[in-house]
Amino acid sequence: MESATIKIGKRGTLVIPSQIRQSYGLEDGDLISVEGRQEGILLRPVVTLPVEKYSLEDKARFLLANTVTEDDHAWAIAEVRRMGLDPEAFADQPFPTRP
């Protein structure tokens, strides 16, 4: 494990030495979690993932296009109706692909 002594700057800023940043793949703008522990302060990189939001219509297409058995399909039709949509409106419509 690498270690370094650094100085706390104005407004509490810390500069993580470049060798340590490179070792952990940290880049400008990355998020770091700061956690106070009994033994000291723990800094950890935060992993963020984009979240896709789907419309009710997208969800209905997904449900209907991914059934395997007749029971699955009947369940999907009931779920689409519970969402307030007409399952017939999505007949033969593929689920949209995301770029």
PDB file of N, CA and C in Angstrom:
ATOM      1  N   MET A   1       0.833  -1.195   0.000  1.00  0.00           N
ATOM      2  CA  MET A   1       0.000   0.000   0.000  1.00  0.00           C
ATOM      3  C   MET A   1       0.870   1.248   0.000  1.00  0.00           C
ATOM      4  N   GLU A   2       0.486   2.172  -0.832  1.00  0.00           N
ATOM      5  CA  GLU A   2       1.205   3.438  -0.900  1.00  0.00           C
ATOM      6  C   GLU A   2       0.689   4.361   0.197  1.00  0.00           C
ATOM      7  N   SER A   3       1.538   5.248   0.657  1.00  0.00           N
ATOM      8  CA  SER A   3       1.101   6.242   1.623  1.00  0.00           C
ATOM      9  C   SER A   3       1.804   7.557   1.315  1.00  0.00           C
ATOM     10  N   ALA A   4       1.210   8.631   1.794  1.00  0.00           N
ATOM     11  CA  ALA A   4       1.789   9.957   1.580  1.00  0.00           C
ATOM     12  C   ALA A   4       1.287  10.865   2.689  1.00  0.00           C
ATOM     13  N   THR A   5       2.045  11.876   2.980  1.00  0.00           N
ATOM     14  CA  THR A   5       1.627  12.899   3.934  1.00  0.00           C
ATOM     15  C   THR A   5       1.236  14.116   3.105  1.00  0.00           C
ATOM     16  N   ILE A   6       0.024  14.580   3.321  1.00  0.00           N
ATOM     17  CA  ILE A   6      -0.462  15.740   2.562  1.00  0.00           C
ATOM     18  C   ILE A   6      -0.979  16.790   3.526  1.00  0.00           C
ATOM     19  N   LYS A   7      -1.136  17.982   3.035  1.00  0.00           N
ATOM     20  CA  LYS A   7      -1.572  19.108   3.852  1.00  0.00           C
ATOM     21  C   LYS A   7      -3.010  19.465   3.502  1.00  0.00           C
ATOM     22  N   ILE A   8      -3.811  19.746   4.498  1.00  0.00           N
ATOM     23  CA  ILE A   8      -5.187  20.195   4.265  1.00  0.00           C
ATOM     24  C   ILE A   8      -5.136  21.653   3.844  1.00  0.00           C
ATOM     25  N   GLY A   9      -5.772  21.936   2.711  1.00  0.00           N
ATOM     26  CA  GLY A   9      -5.769  23.289   2.174  1.00  0.00           C
ATOM     27  C   GLY A   9      -6.960  24.099   2.660  1.00  0.00           C
ATOM     28  N   LYS A  10      -7.092  25.285   2.083  1.00  0.00           N
ATOM     29  CA  LYS A  10      -8.223  26.146   2.410  1.00  0.00           C
ATOM     30  C   LYS A  10      -9.515  25.400   2.138  1.00  0.00           C
ATOM     31  N   ARG A  11     -10.506  25.664   2.935  1.00  0.00           N
ATOM     32  CA  ARG A  11     -11.827  25.036   2.803  1.00  0.00           C
ATOM     33  C   ARG A  11     -11.763  23.514   2.929  1.00  0.00           C
ATOM     34  N   GLY A  12     -10.695  22.973   3.520  1.00  0.00           N
ATOM     35  CA  GLY A  12     -10.603  21.546   3.773  1.00  0.00           C
ATOM     36  C   GLY A  12     -10.214  20.703   2.583  1.00  0.00           C
ATOM     37  N   THR A  13      -9.662  21.314   1.547  1.00  0.00           N
ATOM     38  CA  THR A  13      -9.309  20.543   0.353  1.00  0.00           C
ATOM     39  C   THR A  13      -8.094  19.651   0.598  1.00  0.00           C
ATOM     40  N   LEU A  14      -8.132  18.483  -0.034  1.00  0.00           N
ATOM     41  CA  LEU A  14      -7.012  17.547   0.013  1.00  0.00           C
ATOM     42  C   LEU A  14      -6.549  17.303  -1.412  1.00  0.00           C
ATOM     43  N   VAL A  15      -5.261  17.219  -1.611  1.00  0.00           N
ATOM     44  CA  VAL A  15      -4.721  16.863  -2.912  1.00  0.00           C
ATOM     45  C   VAL A  15      -4.138  15.466  -2.775  1.00  0.00           C
ATOM     46  N   ILE A  16      -4.722  14.518  -3.503  1.00  0.00           N
ATOM     47  CA  ILE A  16      -4.222  13.147  -3.481  1.00  0.00           C
ATOM     48  C   ILE A  16      -3.078  13.081  -4.486  1.00  0.00           C
ATOM     49  N   PRO A  17      -1.907  12.643  -4.058  1.00  0.00           N
ATOM     50  CA  PRO A  17      -0.759  12.601  -4.975  1.00  0.00           C
ATOM     51  C   PRO A  17      -1.072  11.812  -6.248  1.00  0.00           C
ATOM     52  N   SER A  18      -0.484  12.269  -7.361  1.00  0.00           N
ATOM     53  CA  SER A  18      -0.796  11.687  -8.663  1.00  0.00           C
ATOM     54  C   SER A  18      -0.512  10.190  -8.723  1.00  0.00           C
ATOM     55  N   GLN A  19       0.560   9.730  -8.104  1.00  0.00           N
ATOM     56  CA  GLN A  19       0.890   8.305  -8.141  1.00  0.00           C
ATOM     57  C   GLN A  19      -0.227   7.466  -7.500  1.00  0.00           C
ATOM     58  N   ILE A  20      -0.781   7.948  -6.411  1.00  0.00           N
ATOM     59  CA  ILE A  20      -1.882   7.227  -5.748  1.00  0.00           C
ATOM     60  C   ILE A  20      -3.149   7.322  -6.593  1.00  0.00           C
ATOM     61  N   ARG A  21      -3.442   8.510  -7.164  1.00  0.00           N
ATOM     62  CA  ARG A  21      -4.613   8.651  -8.038  1.00  0.00           C
ATOM     63  C   ARG A  21      -4.525   7.689  -9.214  1.00  0.00           C
ATOM     64  N   GLN A  22      -3.354   7.600  -9.827  1.00  0.00           N
ATOM     65  CA  GLN A  22      -3.172   6.700 -10.967  1.00  0.00           C
ATOM     66  C   GLN A  22      -3.325   5.245 -10.557  1.00  0.00           C
ATOM     67  N   SER A  23      -2.793   4.894  -9.401  1.00  0.00           N
ATOM     68  CA  SER A  23      -2.896   3.506  -8.918  1.00  0.00           C
ATOM     69  C   SER A  23      -4.346   3.065  -8.775  1.00  0.00           C
ATOM     70  N   TYR A  24      -5.219   4.003  -8.404  1.00  0.00           N
ATOM     71  CA  TYR A  24      -6.628   3.678  -8.179  1.00  0.00           C
ATOM     72  C   TYR A  24      -7.521   4.121  -9.336  1.00  0.00           C
ATOM     73  N   GLY A  25      -6.922   4.613 -10.402  1.00  0.00           N
ATOM     74  CA  GLY A  25      -7.699   5.010 -11.574  1.00  0.00           C
ATOM     75  C   GLY A  25      -8.579   6.222 -11.342  1.00  0.00           C
ATOM     76  N   LEU A  26      -8.170   7.098 -10.433  1.00  0.00           N
ATOM     77  CA  LEU A  26      -8.965   8.290 -10.136  1.00  0.00           C
ATOM     78  C   LEU A  26      -8.644   9.395 -11.121  1.00  0.00           C
ATOM     79  N   GLU A  27      -9.702  10.045 -11.608  1.00  0.00           N
ATOM     80  CA  GLU A  27      -9.544  11.128 -12.575  1.00  0.00           C
ATOM     81  C   GLU A  27     -10.309  12.363 -12.096  1.00  0.00           C
ATOM     82  N   ASP A  28     -10.023  13.476 -12.737  1.00  0.00           N
ATOM     83  CA  ASP A  28     -10.688  14.733 -12.423  1.00  0.00           C
ATOM     84  C   ASP A  28     -12.206  14.546 -12.481  1.00  0.00           C
ATOM     85  N   GLY A  29     -12.901  14.965 -11.446  1.00  0.00           N
ATOM     86  CA  GLY A  29     -14.357  14.882 -11.420  1.00  0.00           C
ATOM     87  C   GLY A  29     -14.904  13.607 -10.792  1.00  0.00           C
ATOM     88  N   ASP A  30     -14.050  12.616 -10.517  1.00  0.00           N
ATOM     89  CA  ASP A  30     -14.524  11.382  -9.873  1.00  0.00           C
ATOM     90  C   ASP A  30     -15.033  11.690  -8.472  1.00  0.00           C
ATOM     91  N   LEU A  31     -15.956  10.884  -8.008  1.00  0.00           N
ATOM     92  CA  LEU A  31     -16.506  11.048  -6.666  1.00  0.00           C
ATOM     93  C   LEU A  31     -15.754  10.171  -5.679  1.00  0.00           C
ATOM     94  N   ILE A  32     -15.583  10.695  -4.463  1.00  0.00           N
ATOM     95  CA  ILE A  32     -14.917   9.976  -3.384  1.00  0.00           C
ATOM     96  C   ILE A  32     -15.852   9.982  -2.179  1.00  0.00           C
ATOM     97  N   SER A  33     -16.015   8.829  -1.560  1.00  0.00           N
ATOM     98  CA  SER A  33     -16.785   8.721  -0.325  1.00  0.00           C
ATOM     99  C   SER A  33     -15.841   8.989   0.847  1.00  0.00           C
ATOM    100  N   VAL A  34     -16.266   9.833   1.779  1.00  0.00           N
ATOM    101  CA  VAL A  34     -15.470  10.159   2.964  1.00  0.00           C
ATOM    102  C   VAL A  34     -16.242   9.649   4.173  1.00  0.00           C
ATOM    103  N   GLU A  35     -15.596   8.783   4.943  1.00  0.00           N
ATOM    104  CA  GLU A  35     -16.273   8.159   6.082  1.00  0.00           C
ATOM    105  C   GLU A  35     -15.397   8.278   7.321  1.00  0.00           C
ATOM    106  N   GLY A  36     -15.972   8.846   8.378  1.00  0.00           N
ATOM    107  CA  GLY A  36     -15.254   8.919   9.647  1.00  0.00           C
ATOM    108  C   GLY A  36     -15.307   7.566  10.349  1.00  0.00           C
ATOM    109  N   ARG A  37     -14.171   7.068  10.725  1.00  0.00           N
ATOM    110  CA  ARG A  37     -14.064   5.781  11.423  1.00  0.00           C
ATOM    111  C   ARG A  37     -13.345   6.007  12.750  1.00  0.00           C
ATOM    112  N   GLN A  38     -13.468   5.062  13.645  1.00  0.00           N
ATOM    113  CA  GLN A  38     -12.791   5.172  14.935  1.00  0.00           C
ATOM    114  C   GLN A  38     -11.280   5.288  14.742  1.00  0.00           C
ATOM    115  N   GLU A  39     -10.740   4.554  13.762  1.00  0.00           N
ATOM    116  CA  GLU A  39      -9.296   4.553  13.536  1.00  0.00           C
ATOM    117  C   GLU A  39      -8.813   5.676  12.614  1.00  0.00           C
ATOM    118  N   GLY A  40      -9.743   6.438  12.049  1.00  0.00           N
ATOM    119  CA  GLY A  40      -9.333   7.543  11.186  1.00  0.00           C
ATOM    120  C   GLY A  40     -10.362   7.844  10.116  1.00  0.00           C
ATOM    121  N   ILE A  41      -9.938   8.482   9.046  1.00  0.00           N
ATOM    122  CA  ILE A  41     -10.816   8.870   7.946  1.00  0.00           C
ATOM    123  C   ILE A  41     -10.578   7.903   6.787  1.00  0.00           C
ATOM    124  N   LEU A  42     -11.659   7.352   6.258  1.00  0.00           N
ATOM    125  CA  LEU A  42     -11.569   6.415   5.145  1.00  0.00           C
ATOM    126  C   LEU A  42     -12.059   7.113   3.878  1.00  0.00           C
ATOM    127  N   LEU A  43     -11.229   7.108   2.842  1.00  0.00           N
ATOM    128  CA  LEU A  43     -11.592   7.651   1.531  1.00  0.00           C
ATOM    129  C   LEU A  43     -11.740   6.476   0.583  1.00  0.00           C
ATOM    130  N   ARG A  44     -12.866   6.451  -0.158  1.00  0.00           N
ATOM    131  CA  ARG A  44     -13.091   5.369  -1.128  1.00  0.00           C
ATOM    132  C   ARG A  44     -13.676   5.941  -2.411  1.00  0.00           C
ATOM    133  N   PRO A  45     -13.223   5.416  -3.559  1.00  0.00           N
ATOM    134  CA  PRO A  45     -13.847   5.832  -4.820  1.00  0.00           C
ATOM    135  C   PRO A  45     -15.306   5.391  -4.849  1.00  0.00           C
ATOM    136  N   VAL A  46     -16.141   6.198  -5.463  1.00  0.00           N
ATOM    137  CA  VAL A  46     -17.561   5.887  -5.603  1.00  0.00           C
ATOM    138  C   VAL A  46     -17.819   5.490  -7.049  1.00  0.00           C
ATOM    139  N   VAL A  47     -18.509   4.388  -7.225  1.00  0.00           N
ATOM    140  CA  VAL A  47     -18.867   3.948  -8.571  1.00  0.00           C
ATOM    141  C   VAL A  47     -20.281   4.435  -8.860  1.00  0.00           C
ATOM    142  N   THR A  48     -20.440   5.131  -9.968  1.00  0.00           N
ATOM    143  CA  THR A  48     -21.770   5.590 -10.368  1.00  0.00           C
ATOM    144  C   THR A  48     -22.113   4.972 -11.713  1.00  0.00           C
ATOM    145  N   LEU A  49     -23.350   4.605 -11.860  1.00  0.00           N
ATOM    146  CA  LEU A  49     -23.829   4.004 -13.098  1.00  0.00           C
ATOM    147  C   LEU A  49     -25.029   4.798 -13.603  1.00  0.00           C
ATOM    148  N   PRO A  50     -25.135   4.989 -14.902  1.00  0.00           N
ATOM    149  CA  PRO A  50     -26.292   5.705 -15.419  1.00  0.00           C
ATOM    150  C   PRO A  50     -27.567   4.880 -15.209  1.00  0.00           C
ATOM    151  N   VAL A  51     -28.649   5.563 -14.952  1.00  0.00           N
ATOM    152  CA  VAL A  51     -29.935   4.909 -14.752  1.00  0.00           C
ATOM    153  C   VAL A  51     -30.831   5.221 -15.944  1.00  0.00           C
ATOM    154  N   GLU A  52     -31.377   4.179 -16.526  1.00  0.00           N
ATOM    155  CA  GLU A  52     -32.296   4.381 -17.639  1.00  0.00           C
ATOM    156  C   GLU A  52     -33.712   4.424 -17.099  1.00  0.00           C
ATOM    157  N   LYS A  53     -34.489   5.356 -17.604  1.00  0.00           N
ATOM    158  CA  LYS A  53     -35.892   5.455 -17.215  1.00  0.00           C
ATOM    159  C   LYS A  53     -36.731   5.046 -18.410  1.00  0.00           C
ATOM    160  N   TYR A  54     -37.693   4.198 -18.156  1.00  0.00           N
ATOM    161  CA  TYR A  54     -38.560   3.701 -19.216  1.00  0.00           C
ATOM    162  C   TYR A  54     -39.981   4.220 -19.021  1.00  0.00           C
ATOM    163  N   SER A  55     -40.634   4.518 -20.120  1.00  0.00           N
ATOM    164  CA  SER A  55     -42.035   4.935 -20.072  1.00  0.00           C
ATOM    165  C   SER A  55     -42.903   3.715 -19.804  1.00  0.00           C
ATOM    166  N   LEU A  56     -44.151   3.937 -19.470  1.00  0.00           N
ATOM    167  CA  LEU A  56     -45.082   2.808 -19.281  1.00  0.00           C
ATOM    168  C   LEU A  56     -45.194   1.987 -20.561  1.00  0.00           C
ATOM    169  N   GLU A  57     -45.173   2.673 -21.693  1.00  0.00           N
ATOM    170  CA  GLU A  57     -45.262   1.968 -22.976  1.00  0.00           C
ATOM    171  C   GLU A  57     -44.046   1.076 -23.194  1.00  0.00           C
ATOM    172  N   ASP A  58     -42.850   1.585 -22.851  1.00  0.00           N
ATOM    173  CA  ASP A  58     -41.638   0.767 -22.957  1.00  0.00           C
ATOM    174  C   ASP A  58     -41.735  -0.466 -22.060  1.00  0.00           C
ATOM    175  N   LYS A  59     -42.228  -0.258 -20.839  1.00  0.00           N
ATOM    176  CA  LYS A  59     -42.366  -1.381 -19.905  1.00  0.00           C
ATOM    177  C   LYS A  59     -43.353  -2.414 -20.435  1.00  0.00           C
ATOM    178  N   ALA A  60     -44.440  -1.933 -21.019  1.00  0.00           N
ATOM    179  CA  ALA A  60     -45.438  -2.848 -21.579  1.00  0.00           C
ATOM    180  C   ALA A  60     -44.832  -3.656 -22.724  1.00  0.00           C
ATOM    181  N   ARG A  61     -44.092  -2.994 -23.608  1.00  0.00           N
ATOM    182  CA  ARG A  61     -43.435  -3.703 -24.715  1.00  0.00           C
ATOM    183  C   ARG A  61     -42.465  -4.752 -24.181  1.00  0.00           C
ATOM    184  N   PHE A  62     -41.714  -4.385 -23.172  1.00  0.00           N
ATOM    185  CA  PHE A  62     -40.753  -5.311 -22.585  1.00  0.00           C
ATOM    186  C   PHE A  62     -41.462  -6.539 -22.007  1.00  0.00           C
ATOM    187  N   LEU A  63     -42.512  -6.304 -21.239  1.00  0.00           N
ATOM    188  CA  LEU A  63     -43.255  -7.422 -20.645  1.00  0.00           C
ATOM    189  C   LEU A  63     -43.801  -8.357 -21.713  1.00  0.00           C
ATOM    190  N   LEU A  64     -44.417  -7.790 -22.733  1.00  0.00           N
ATOM    191  CA  LEU A  64     -45.065  -8.606 -23.759  1.00  0.00           C
ATOM    192  C   LEU A  64     -44.046  -9.297 -24.677  1.00  0.00           C
ATOM    193  N   ALA A  65     -42.924  -8.672 -24.928  1.00  0.00           N
ATOM    194  CA  ALA A  65     -41.943  -9.241 -25.863  1.00  0.00           C
ATOM    195  C   ALA A  65     -41.079 -10.323 -25.229  1.00  0.00           C
ATOM    196  N   ASN A  66     -41.094 -10.437 -23.905  1.00  0.00           N
ATOM    197  CA  ASN A  66     -40.190 -11.370 -23.243  1.00  0.00           C
ATOM    198  C   ASN A  66     -40.895 -12.520 -22.541  1.00  0.00           C
ATOM    199  N   THR A  67     -42.079 -12.850 -23.000  1.00  0.00           N
ATOM    200  CA  THR A  67     -42.772 -13.991 -22.406  1.00  0.00           C
ATOM    201  C   THR A  67     -42.272 -15.273 -23.066  1.00  0.00           C
ATOM    202  N   VAL A  68     -42.294 -16.354 -22.290  1.00  0.00           N
ATOM    203  CA  VAL A  68     -41.801 -17.636 -22.792  1.00  0.00           C
ATOM    204  C   VAL A  68     -42.940 -18.628 -22.968  1.00  0.00           C
ATOM    205  N   THR A  69     -43.809 -18.670 -21.971  1.00  0.00           N
ATOM    206  CA  THR A  69     -44.911 -19.627 -22.016  1.00  0.00           C
ATOM    207  C   THR A  69     -46.231 -18.884 -22.173  1.00  0.00           C
ATOM    208  N   GLU A  70     -47.285 -19.644 -22.403  1.00  0.00           N
ATOM    209  CA  GLU A  70     -48.620 -19.033 -22.488  1.00  0.00           C
ATOM    210  C   GLU A  70     -49.006 -18.406 -21.159  1.00  0.00           C
ATOM    211  N   ASP A  71     -48.618 -19.052 -20.046  1.00  0.00           N
ATOM    212  CA  ASP A  71     -48.902 -18.474 -18.728  1.00  0.00           C
ATOM    213  C   ASP A  71     -48.165 -17.147 -18.541  1.00  0.00           C
ATOM    214  N   ASP A  72     -46.901 -17.081 -18.978  1.00  0.00           N
ATOM    215  CA  ASP A  72     -46.145 -15.818 -18.923  1.00  0.00           C
ATOM    216  C   ASP A  72     -46.862 -14.731 -19.715  1.00  0.00           C
ATOM    217  N   HIS A  73     -47.311 -15.097 -20.900  1.00  0.00           N
ATOM    218  CA  HIS A  73     -47.967 -14.116 -21.773  1.00  0.00           C
ATOM    219  C   HIS A  73     -49.282 -13.633 -21.143  1.00  0.00           C
ATOM    220  N   ALA A  74     -50.042 -14.538 -20.562  1.00  0.00           N
ATOM    221  CA  ALA A  74     -51.298 -14.148 -19.901  1.00  0.00           C
ATOM    222  C   ALA A  74     -51.010 -13.207 -18.736  1.00  0.00           C
ATOM    223  N   TRP A  75     -49.961 -13.528 -17.973  1.00  0.00           N
ATOM    224  CA  TRP A  75     -49.580 -12.665 -16.847  1.00  0.00           C
ATOM    225  C   TRP A  75     -49.170 -11.286 -17.368  1.00  0.00           C
ATOM    226  N   ALA A  76     -48.367 -11.239 -18.449  1.00  0.00           N
ATOM    227  CA  ALA A  76     -47.909  -9.962 -19.005  1.00  0.00           C
ATOM    228  C   ALA A  76     -49.087  -9.124 -19.489  1.00  0.00           C
ATOM    229  N   ILE A  77     -50.051  -9.766 -20.134  1.00  0.00           N
ATOM    230  CA  ILE A  77     -51.242  -9.045 -20.602  1.00  0.00           C
ATOM    231  C   ILE A  77     -51.991  -8.432 -19.422  1.00  0.00           C
ATOM    232  N   ALA A  78     -52.142  -9.212 -18.348  1.00  0.00           N
ATOM    233  CA  ALA A  78     -52.824  -8.701 -17.146  1.00  0.00           C
ATOM    234  C   ALA A  78     -52.059  -7.519 -16.543  1.00  0.00           C
ATOM    235  N   GLU A  79     -50.722  -7.608 -16.515  1.00  0.00           N
ATOM    236  CA  GLU A  79     -49.905  -6.514 -15.964  1.00  0.00           C
ATOM    237  C   GLU A  79     -50.029  -5.252 -16.805  1.00  0.00           C
ATOM    238  N   VAL A  80     -50.035  -5.409 -18.125  1.00  0.00           N
ATOM    239  CA  VAL A  80     -50.168  -4.249 -19.017  1.00  0.00           C
ATOM    240  C   VAL A  80     -51.533  -3.601 -18.803  1.00  0.00           C
ATOM    241  N   ARG A  81     -52.561  -4.405 -18.651  1.00  0.00           N
ATOM    242  CA  ARG A  81     -53.905  -3.842 -18.374  1.00  0.00           C
ATOM    243  C   ARG A  81     -53.925  -3.129 -17.030  1.00  0.00           C
ATOM    244  N   ARG A  82     -53.222  -3.698 -16.017  1.00  0.00           N
ATOM    245  CA  ARG A  82     -53.159  -3.042 -14.697  1.00  0.00           C
ATOM    246  C   ARG A  82     -52.463  -1.684 -14.790  1.00  0.00           C
ATOM    247  N   MET A  83     -51.572  -1.533 -15.770  1.00  0.00           N
ATOM    248  CA  MET A  83     -50.882  -0.260 -15.983  1.00  0.00           C
ATOM    249  C   MET A  83     -51.779   0.738 -16.719  1.00  0.00           C
ATOM    250  N   GLY A  84     -52.994   0.302 -17.084  1.00  0.00           N
ATOM    251  CA  GLY A  84     -53.933   1.187 -17.769  1.00  0.00           C
ATOM    252  C   GLY A  84     -53.711   1.259 -19.268  1.00  0.00           C
ATOM    253  N   LEU A  85     -53.029   0.269 -19.829  1.00  0.00           N
ATOM    254  CA  LEU A  85     -52.733   0.264 -21.263  1.00  0.00           C
ATOM    255  C   LEU A  85     -53.414  -0.916 -21.935  1.00  0.00           C
ATOM    256  N   ASP A  86     -53.631  -0.784 -23.227  1.00  0.00           N
ATOM    257  CA  ASP A  86     -54.246  -1.854 -24.006  1.00  0.00           C
ATOM    258  C   ASP A  86     -53.144  -2.744 -24.593  1.00  0.00           C
ATOM    259  N   PRO A  87     -53.067  -4.013 -24.204  1.00  0.00           N
ATOM    260  CA  PRO A  87     -52.022  -4.901 -24.720  1.00  0.00           C
ATOM    261  C   PRO A  87     -52.047  -5.048 -26.235  1.00  0.00           C
ATOM    262  N   GLU A  88     -53.219  -4.929 -26.836  1.00  0.00           N
ATOM    263  CA  GLU A  88     -53.328  -5.067 -28.292  1.00  0.00           C
ATOM    264  C   GLU A  88     -52.581  -3.947 -29.028  1.00  0.00           C
ATOM    265  N   ALA A  89     -52.418  -2.810 -28.363  1.00  0.00           N
ATOM    266  CA  ALA A  89     -51.724  -1.683 -28.991  1.00  0.00           C
ATOM    267  C   ALA A  89     -50.236  -1.975 -29.174  1.00  0.00           C
ATOM    268  N   PHE A  90     -49.730  -3.004 -28.488  1.00  0.00           N
ATOM    269  CA  PHE A  90     -48.309  -3.317 -28.551  1.00  0.00           C
ATOM    270  C   PHE A  90     -48.028  -4.613 -29.304  1.00  0.00           C
ATOM    271  N   ALA A  91     -49.017  -5.123 -29.971  1.00  0.00           N
ATOM    272  CA  ALA A  91     -48.823  -6.374 -30.718  1.00  0.00           C
ATOM    273  C   ALA A  91     -47.766  -6.174 -31.789  1.00  0.00           C
ATOM    274  N   ASP A  92     -46.832  -7.093 -31.854  1.00  0.00           N
ATOM    275  CA  ASP A  92     -45.752  -7.087 -32.853  1.00  0.00           C
ATOM    276  C   ASP A  92     -44.867  -5.853 -32.818  1.00  0.00           C
ATOM    277  N   GLN A  93     -44.818  -5.149 -31.689  1.00  0.00           N
ATOM    278  CA  GLN A  93     -43.921  -4.000 -31.559  1.00  0.00           C
ATOM    279  C   GLN A  93     -42.719  -4.450 -30.725  1.00  0.00           C
ATOM    280  N   PRO A  94     -41.521  -4.373 -31.303  1.00  0.00           N
ATOM    281  CA  PRO A  94     -40.342  -4.786 -30.541  1.00  0.00           C
ATOM    282  C   PRO A  94     -39.996  -3.763 -29.459  1.00  0.00           C
ATOM    283  N   PHE A  95     -39.299  -4.239 -28.461  1.00  0.00           N
ATOM    284  CA  PHE A  95     -38.830  -3.346 -27.414  1.00  0.00           C
ATOM    285  C   PHE A  95     -37.775  -2.419 -27.995  1.00  0.00           C
ATOM    286  N   PRO A  96     -37.852  -1.116 -27.743  1.00  0.00           N
ATOM    287  CA  PRO A  96     -36.905  -0.174 -28.344  1.00  0.00           C
ATOM    288  C   PRO A  96     -35.487  -0.396 -27.811  1.00  0.00           C
ATOM    289  N   THR A  97     -34.525  -0.297 -28.686  1.00  0.00           N
ATOM    290  CA  THR A  97     -33.133  -0.431 -28.263  1.00  0.00           C
ATOM    291  C   THR A  97     -32.621   0.936 -27.859  1.00  0.00           C
ATOM    292  N   ARG A  98     -31.731   0.937 -26.888  1.00  0.00           N
ATOM    293  CA  ARG A  98     -31.141   2.192 -26.414  1.00  0.00           C
ATOM    294  C   ARG A  98     -29.747   2.336 -27.030  1.00  0.00           C
ATOM    295  N   PRO A  99     -29.388   3.559 -27.383  1.00  0.00           N
ATOM    296  CA  PRO A  99     -28.046   3.770 -27.960  1.00  0.00           C
ATOM    297  C   PRO A  99     -26.960   3.534 -26.938  1.00  0.00           C
TER     298      PRO A  99
END
